Amino acid sequence: MKELIIAFGLFLFIEGILYAIFPAKMKSMLKKLELISDGQLRTGGLIFMITGFVIIYLKMN
């Protein structure tokens, strides 16, 4: 559980740094997100989810 909290904190830290250092670039990227279809977003999300699961699985064993 401790590792999960640390991982979430690291995620927030990295996300916050991106918005703090590159605010205009992040706005631009979010606007471009509207141009991507739902299917593409879903596919990308599934790829990231599976990749994350594999990393976690390999790290636990």
PDB file of N, CA and C in Angstrom:
ATOM      1  N   MET A   1       0.824  -1.194   0.000  1.00  0.00           N
ATOM      2  CA  MET A   1       0.000   0.000   0.000  1.00  0.00           C
ATOM      3  C   MET A   1       0.869   1.259   0.000  1.00  0.00           C
ATOM      4  N   LYS A   2       1.974   1.186   0.742  1.00  0.00           N
ATOM      5  CA  LYS A   2       2.872   2.335   0.809  1.00  0.00           C
ATOM      6  C   LYS A   2       3.416   2.674  -0.581  1.00  0.00           C
ATOM      7  N   GLU A   3       3.759   1.640  -1.358  1.00  0.00           N
ATOM      8  CA  GLU A   3       4.294   1.849  -2.699  1.00  0.00           C
ATOM      9  C   GLU A   3       3.260   2.496  -3.618  1.00  0.00           C
ATOM     10  N   LEU A   4       1.999   2.109  -3.441  1.00  0.00           N
ATOM     11  CA  LEU A   4       0.935   2.682  -4.257  1.00  0.00           C
ATOM     12  C   LEU A   4       0.791   4.176  -3.981  1.00  0.00           C
ATOM     13  N   ILE A   5       0.845   4.558  -2.744  1.00  0.00           N
ATOM     14  CA  ILE A   5       0.755   5.970  -2.372  1.00  0.00           C
ATOM     15  C   ILE A   5       1.960   6.736  -2.920  1.00  0.00           C
ATOM     16  N   ILE A   6       3.139   6.142  -2.828  1.00  0.00           N
ATOM     17  CA  ILE A   6       4.343   6.784  -3.373  1.00  0.00           C
ATOM     18  C   ILE A   6       4.222   6.930  -4.888  1.00  0.00           C
ATOM     19  N   ALA A   7       3.731   5.899  -5.567  1.00  0.00           N
ATOM     20  CA  ALA A   7       3.563   5.954  -7.021  1.00  0.00           C
ATOM     21  C   ALA A   7       2.576   7.049  -7.415  1.00  0.00           C
ATOM     22  N   PHE A   8       1.487   7.170  -6.671  1.00  0.00           N
ATOM     23  CA  PHE A   8       0.498   8.212  -6.960  1.00  0.00           C
ATOM     24  C   PHE A   8       1.101   9.600  -6.724  1.00  0.00           C
ATOM     25  N   GLY A   9       1.866   9.740  -5.658  1.00  0.00           N
ATOM     26  CA  GLY A   9       2.540  11.005  -5.385  1.00  0.00           C
ATOM     27  C   GLY A   9       3.520  11.354  -6.483  1.00  0.00           C
ATOM     28  N   LEU A  10       4.249  10.376  -6.979  1.00  0.00           N
ATOM     29  CA  LEU A  10       5.192  10.600  -8.068  1.00  0.00           C
ATOM     30  C   LEU A  10       4.461  11.026  -9.343  1.00  0.00           C
ATOM     31  N   PHE A  11       3.337  10.401  -9.605  1.00  0.00           N
ATOM     32  CA  PHE A  11       2.517  10.780 -10.758  1.00  0.00           C
ATOM     33  C   PHE A  11       2.082  12.244 -10.654  1.00  0.00           C
ATOM     34  N   LEU A  12       1.579  12.634  -9.489  1.00  0.00           N
ATOM     35  CA  LEU A  12       1.144  14.016  -9.298  1.00  0.00           C
ATOM     36  C   LEU A  12       2.311  14.990  -9.411  1.00  0.00           C
ATOM     37  N   PHE A  13       3.456  14.610  -8.880  1.00  0.00           N
ATOM     38  CA  PHE A  13       4.647  15.449  -8.944  1.00  0.00           C
ATOM     39  C   PHE A  13       5.063  15.701 -10.393  1.00  0.00           C
ATOM     40  N   ILE A  14       5.147  14.639 -11.184  1.00  0.00           N
ATOM     41  CA  ILE A  14       5.567  14.769 -12.581  1.00  0.00           C
ATOM     42  C   ILE A  14       4.535  15.571 -13.370  1.00  0.00           C
ATOM     43  N   GLU A  15       3.276  15.294 -13.149  1.00  0.00           N
ATOM     44  CA  GLU A  15       2.218  16.032 -13.841  1.00  0.00           C
ATOM     45  C   GLU A  15       2.269  17.514 -13.469  1.00  0.00           C
ATOM     46  N   GLY A  16       2.469  17.799 -12.212  1.00  0.00           N
ATOM     47  CA  GLY A  16       2.551  19.188 -11.753  1.00  0.00           C
ATOM     48  C   GLY A  16       3.737  19.925 -12.343  1.00  0.00           C
ATOM     49  N   ILE A  17       4.868  19.252 -12.432  1.00  0.00           N
ATOM     50  CA  ILE A  17       6.057  19.884 -13.024  1.00  0.00           C
ATOM     51  C   ILE A  17       5.795  20.257 -14.480  1.00  0.00           C
ATOM     52  N   LEU A  18       5.146  19.365 -15.219  1.00  0.00           N
ATOM     53  CA  LEU A  18       4.857  19.657 -16.623  1.00  0.00           C
ATOM     54  C   LEU A  18       3.986  20.900 -16.774  1.00  0.00           C
ATOM     55  N   TYR A  19       2.958  21.018 -15.931  1.00  0.00           N
ATOM     56  CA  TYR A  19       2.085  22.188 -16.007  1.00  0.00           C
ATOM     57  C   TYR A  19       2.792  23.447 -15.516  1.00  0.00           C
ATOM     58  N   ALA A  20       3.683  23.322 -14.561  1.00  0.00           N
ATOM     59  CA  ALA A  20       4.403  24.485 -14.035  1.00  0.00           C
ATOM     60  C   ALA A  20       5.452  24.998 -15.018  1.00  0.00           C
ATOM     61  N   ILE A  21       6.156  24.102 -15.692  1.00  0.00           N
ATOM     62  CA  ILE A  21       7.234  24.505 -16.588  1.00  0.00           C
ATOM     63  C   ILE A  21       6.714  24.845 -17.990  1.00  0.00           C
ATOM     64  N   PHE A  22       5.727  24.098 -18.469  1.00  0.00           N
ATOM     65  CA  PHE A  22       5.235  24.273 -19.840  1.00  0.00           C
ATOM     66  C   PHE A  22       3.718  24.514 -19.876  1.00  0.00           C
ATOM     67  N   PRO A  23       3.207  25.570 -19.245  1.00  0.00           N
ATOM     68  CA  PRO A  23       1.745  25.745 -19.213  1.00  0.00           C
ATOM     69  C   PRO A  23       1.115  25.922 -20.597  1.00  0.00           C
ATOM     70  N   ALA A  24       1.748  26.703 -21.466  1.00  0.00           N
ATOM     71  CA  ALA A  24       1.174  26.923 -22.804  1.00  0.00           C
ATOM     72  C   ALA A  24       1.199  25.633 -23.620  1.00  0.00           C
ATOM     73  N   LYS A  25       2.277  24.881 -23.519  1.00  0.00           N
ATOM     74  CA  LYS A  25       2.407  23.622 -24.256  1.00  0.00           C
ATOM     75  C   LYS A  25       1.345  22.612 -23.777  1.00  0.00           C
ATOM     76  N   MET A  26       1.108  22.575 -22.469  1.00  0.00           N
ATOM     77  CA  MET A  26       0.112  21.636 -21.932  1.00  0.00           C
ATOM     78  C   MET A  26      -1.293  22.010 -22.408  1.00  0.00           C
ATOM     79  N   LYS A  27      -1.600  23.314 -22.456  1.00  0.00           N
ATOM     80  CA  LYS A  27      -2.903  23.748 -22.980  1.00  0.00           C
ATOM     81  C   LYS A  27      -3.066  23.315 -24.427  1.00  0.00           C
ATOM     82  N   SER A  28      -2.008  23.502 -25.188  1.00  0.00           N
ATOM     83  CA  SER A  28      -2.039  23.120 -26.601  1.00  0.00           C
ATOM     84  C   SER A  28      -2.270  21.620 -26.754  1.00  0.00           C
ATOM     85  N   MET A  29      -1.588  20.830 -25.939  1.00  0.00           N
ATOM     86  CA  MET A  29      -1.751  19.372 -26.015  1.00  0.00           C
ATOM     87  C   MET A  29      -3.171  18.963 -25.645  1.00  0.00           C
ATOM     88  N   LEU A  30      -3.758  19.615 -24.643  1.00  0.00           N
ATOM     89  CA  LEU A  30      -5.118  19.268 -24.237  1.00  0.00           C
ATOM     90  C   LEU A  30      -6.130  19.627 -25.326  1.00  0.00           C
ATOM     91  N   LYS A  31      -5.891  20.725 -26.037  1.00  0.00           N
ATOM     92  CA  LYS A  31      -6.784  21.091 -27.138  1.00  0.00           C
ATOM     93  C   LYS A  31      -6.705  20.068 -28.269  1.00  0.00           C
ATOM     94  N   LYS A  32      -5.512  19.557 -28.528  1.00  0.00           N
ATOM     95  CA  LYS A  32      -5.333  18.559 -29.587  1.00  0.00           C
ATOM     96  C   LYS A  32      -6.009  17.236 -29.225  1.00  0.00           C
ATOM     97  N   LEU A  33      -6.209  17.009 -27.937  1.00  0.00           N
ATOM     98  CA  LEU A  33      -6.852  15.780 -27.477  1.00  0.00           C
ATOM     99  C   LEU A  33      -8.269  15.651 -28.024  1.00  0.00           C
ATOM    100  N   GLU A  34      -8.921  16.788 -28.254  1.00  0.00           N
ATOM    101  CA  GLU A  34     -10.290  16.772 -28.789  1.00  0.00           C
ATOM    102  C   GLU A  34     -10.333  16.207 -30.209  1.00  0.00           C
ATOM    103  N   LEU A  35      -9.224  16.267 -30.928  1.00  0.00           N
ATOM    104  CA  LEU A  35      -9.191  15.806 -32.313  1.00  0.00           C
ATOM    105  C   LEU A  35      -9.057  14.289 -32.426  1.00  0.00           C
ATOM    106  N   ILE A  36      -8.701  13.637 -31.326  1.00  0.00           N
ATOM    107  CA  ILE A  36      -8.493  12.192 -31.331  1.00  0.00           C
ATOM    108  C   ILE A  36      -9.827  11.495 -31.075  1.00  0.00           C
ATOM    109  N   SER A  37     -10.103  10.470 -31.825  1.00  0.00           N
ATOM    110  CA  SER A  37     -11.376   9.757 -31.673  1.00  0.00           C
ATOM    111  C   SER A  37     -11.404   8.964 -30.363  1.00  0.00           C
ATOM    112  N   ASP A  38     -12.621   8.647 -29.933  1.00  0.00           N
ATOM    113  CA  ASP A  38     -12.792   7.873 -28.708  1.00  0.00           C
ATOM    114  C   ASP A  38     -12.113   6.512 -28.800  1.00  0.00           C
ATOM    115  N   GLY A  39     -12.202   5.901 -29.965  1.00  0.00           N
ATOM    116  CA  GLY A  39     -11.581   4.592 -30.159  1.00  0.00           C
ATOM    117  C   GLY A  39     -10.071   4.642 -30.001  1.00  0.00           C
ATOM    118  N   GLN A  40      -9.453   5.690 -30.540  1.00  0.00           N
ATOM    119  CA  GLN A  40      -7.999   5.836 -30.412  1.00  0.00           C
ATOM    120  C   GLN A  40      -7.606   6.065 -28.956  1.00  0.00           C
ATOM    121  N   LEU A  41      -8.384   6.893 -28.249  1.00  0.00           N
ATOM    122  CA  LEU A  41      -8.098   7.125 -26.830  1.00  0.00           C
ATOM    123  C   LEU A  41      -8.255   5.835 -26.022  1.00  0.00           C
ATOM    124  N   ARG A  42      -9.300   5.087 -26.331  1.00  0.00           N
ATOM    125  CA  ARG A  42      -9.539   3.828 -25.630  1.00  0.00           C
ATOM    126  C   ARG A  42      -8.397   2.841 -25.880  1.00  0.00           C
ATOM    127  N   THR A  43      -7.960   2.745 -27.141  1.00  0.00           N
ATOM    128  CA  THR A  43      -6.850   1.853 -27.482  1.00  0.00           C
ATOM    129  C   THR A  43      -5.575   2.273 -26.761  1.00  0.00           C
ATOM    130  N   GLY A  44      -5.274   3.562 -26.781  1.00  0.00           N
ATOM    131  CA  GLY A  44      -4.094   4.061 -26.078  1.00  0.00           C
ATOM    132  C   GLY A  44      -4.163   3.790 -24.586  1.00  0.00           C
ATOM    133  N   GLY A  45      -5.347   4.002 -24.004  1.00  0.00           N
ATOM    134  CA  GLY A  45      -5.532   3.733 -22.579  1.00  0.00           C
ATOM    135  C   GLY A  45      -5.324   2.268 -22.249  1.00  0.00           C
ATOM    136  N   LEU A  46      -5.835   1.386 -23.088  1.00  0.00           N
ATOM    137  CA  LEU A  46      -5.661  -0.046 -22.859  1.00  0.00           C
ATOM    138  C   LEU A  46      -4.190  -0.452 -22.975  1.00  0.00           C
ATOM    139  N   ILE A  47      -3.484   0.129 -23.943  1.00  0.00           N
ATOM    140  CA  ILE A  47      -2.060  -0.183 -24.096  1.00  0.00           C
ATOM    141  C   ILE A  47      -1.287   0.251 -22.858  1.00  0.00           C
ATOM    142  N   PHE A  48      -1.556   1.484 -22.372  1.00  0.00           N
ATOM    143  CA  PHE A  48      -0.883   1.955 -21.164  1.00  0.00           C
ATOM    144  C   PHE A  48      -1.234   1.099 -19.957  1.00  0.00           C
ATOM    145  N   MET A  49      -2.513   0.709 -19.853  1.00  0.00           N
ATOM    146  CA  MET A  49      -2.955  -0.109 -18.727  1.00  0.00           C
ATOM    147  C   MET A  49      -2.258  -1.468 -18.735  1.00  0.00           C
ATOM    148  N   ILE A  50      -2.199  -2.114 -19.881  1.00  0.00           N
ATOM    149  CA  ILE A  50      -1.559  -3.429 -19.984  1.00  0.00           C
ATOM    150  C   ILE A  50      -0.062  -3.317 -19.729  1.00  0.00           C
ATOM    151  N   THR A  51       0.571  -2.280 -20.286  1.00  0.00           N
ATOM    152  CA  THR A  51       2.001  -2.070 -20.055  1.00  0.00           C
ATOM    153  C   THR A  51       2.281  -1.875 -18.568  1.00  0.00           C
ATOM    154  N   GLY A  52       1.484  -1.043 -17.920  1.00  0.00           N
ATOM    155  CA  GLY A  52       1.637  -0.831 -16.480  1.00  0.00           C
ATOM    156  C   GLY A  52       1.448  -2.109 -15.694  1.00  0.00           C
ATOM    157  N   PHE A  53       0.446  -2.901 -16.065  1.00  0.00           N
ATOM    158  CA  PHE A  53       0.202  -4.159 -15.370  1.00  0.00           C
ATOM    159  C   PHE A  53       1.383  -5.107 -15.524  1.00  0.00           C
ATOM    160  N   VAL A  54       1.927  -5.186 -16.735  1.00  0.00           N
ATOM    161  CA  VAL A  54       3.082  -6.076 -16.982  1.00  0.00           C
ATOM    162  C   VAL A  54       4.280  -5.617 -16.148  1.00  0.00           C
ATOM    163  N   ILE A  55       4.536  -4.323 -16.112  1.00  0.00           N
ATOM    164  CA  ILE A  55       5.640  -3.803 -15.309  1.00  0.00           C
ATOM    165  C   ILE A  55       5.454  -4.150 -13.843  1.00  0.00           C
ATOM    166  N   ILE A  56       4.264  -3.939 -13.339  1.00  0.00           N
ATOM    167  CA  ILE A  56       3.971  -4.260 -11.932  1.00  0.00           C
ATOM    168  C   ILE A  56       4.123  -5.762 -11.684  1.00  0.00           C
ATOM    169  N   TYR A  57       3.578  -6.573 -12.588  1.00  0.00           N
ATOM    170  CA  TYR A  57       3.656  -8.026 -12.442  1.00  0.00           C
ATOM    171  C   TYR A  57       5.107  -8.505 -12.409  1.00  0.00           C
ATOM    172  N   LEU A  58       5.910  -7.995 -13.345  1.00  0.00           N
ATOM    173  CA  LEU A  58       7.310  -8.414 -13.406  1.00  0.00           C
ATOM    174  C   LEU A  58       8.089  -7.934 -12.180  1.00  0.00           C
ATOM    175  N   LYS A  59       7.750  -6.772 -11.673  1.00  0.00           N
ATOM    176  CA  LYS A  59       8.442  -6.225 -10.510  1.00  0.00           C
ATOM    177  C   LYS A  59       8.072  -7.001  -9.236  1.00  0.00           C
ATOM    178  N   MET A  60       6.862  -7.515  -9.182  1.00  0.00           N
ATOM    179  CA  MET A  60       6.407  -8.236  -7.984  1.00  0.00           C
ATOM    180  C   MET A  60       7.000  -9.638  -7.933  1.00  0.00           C
ATOM    181  N   ASN A  61       7.363 -10.196  -9.069  1.00  0.00           N
ATOM    182  CA  ASN A  61       7.881 -11.579  -9.095  1.00  0.00           C
ATOM    183  C   ASN A  61       9.369 -11.607  -9.236  1.00  0.00           C
TER     184      ASN A  61
END
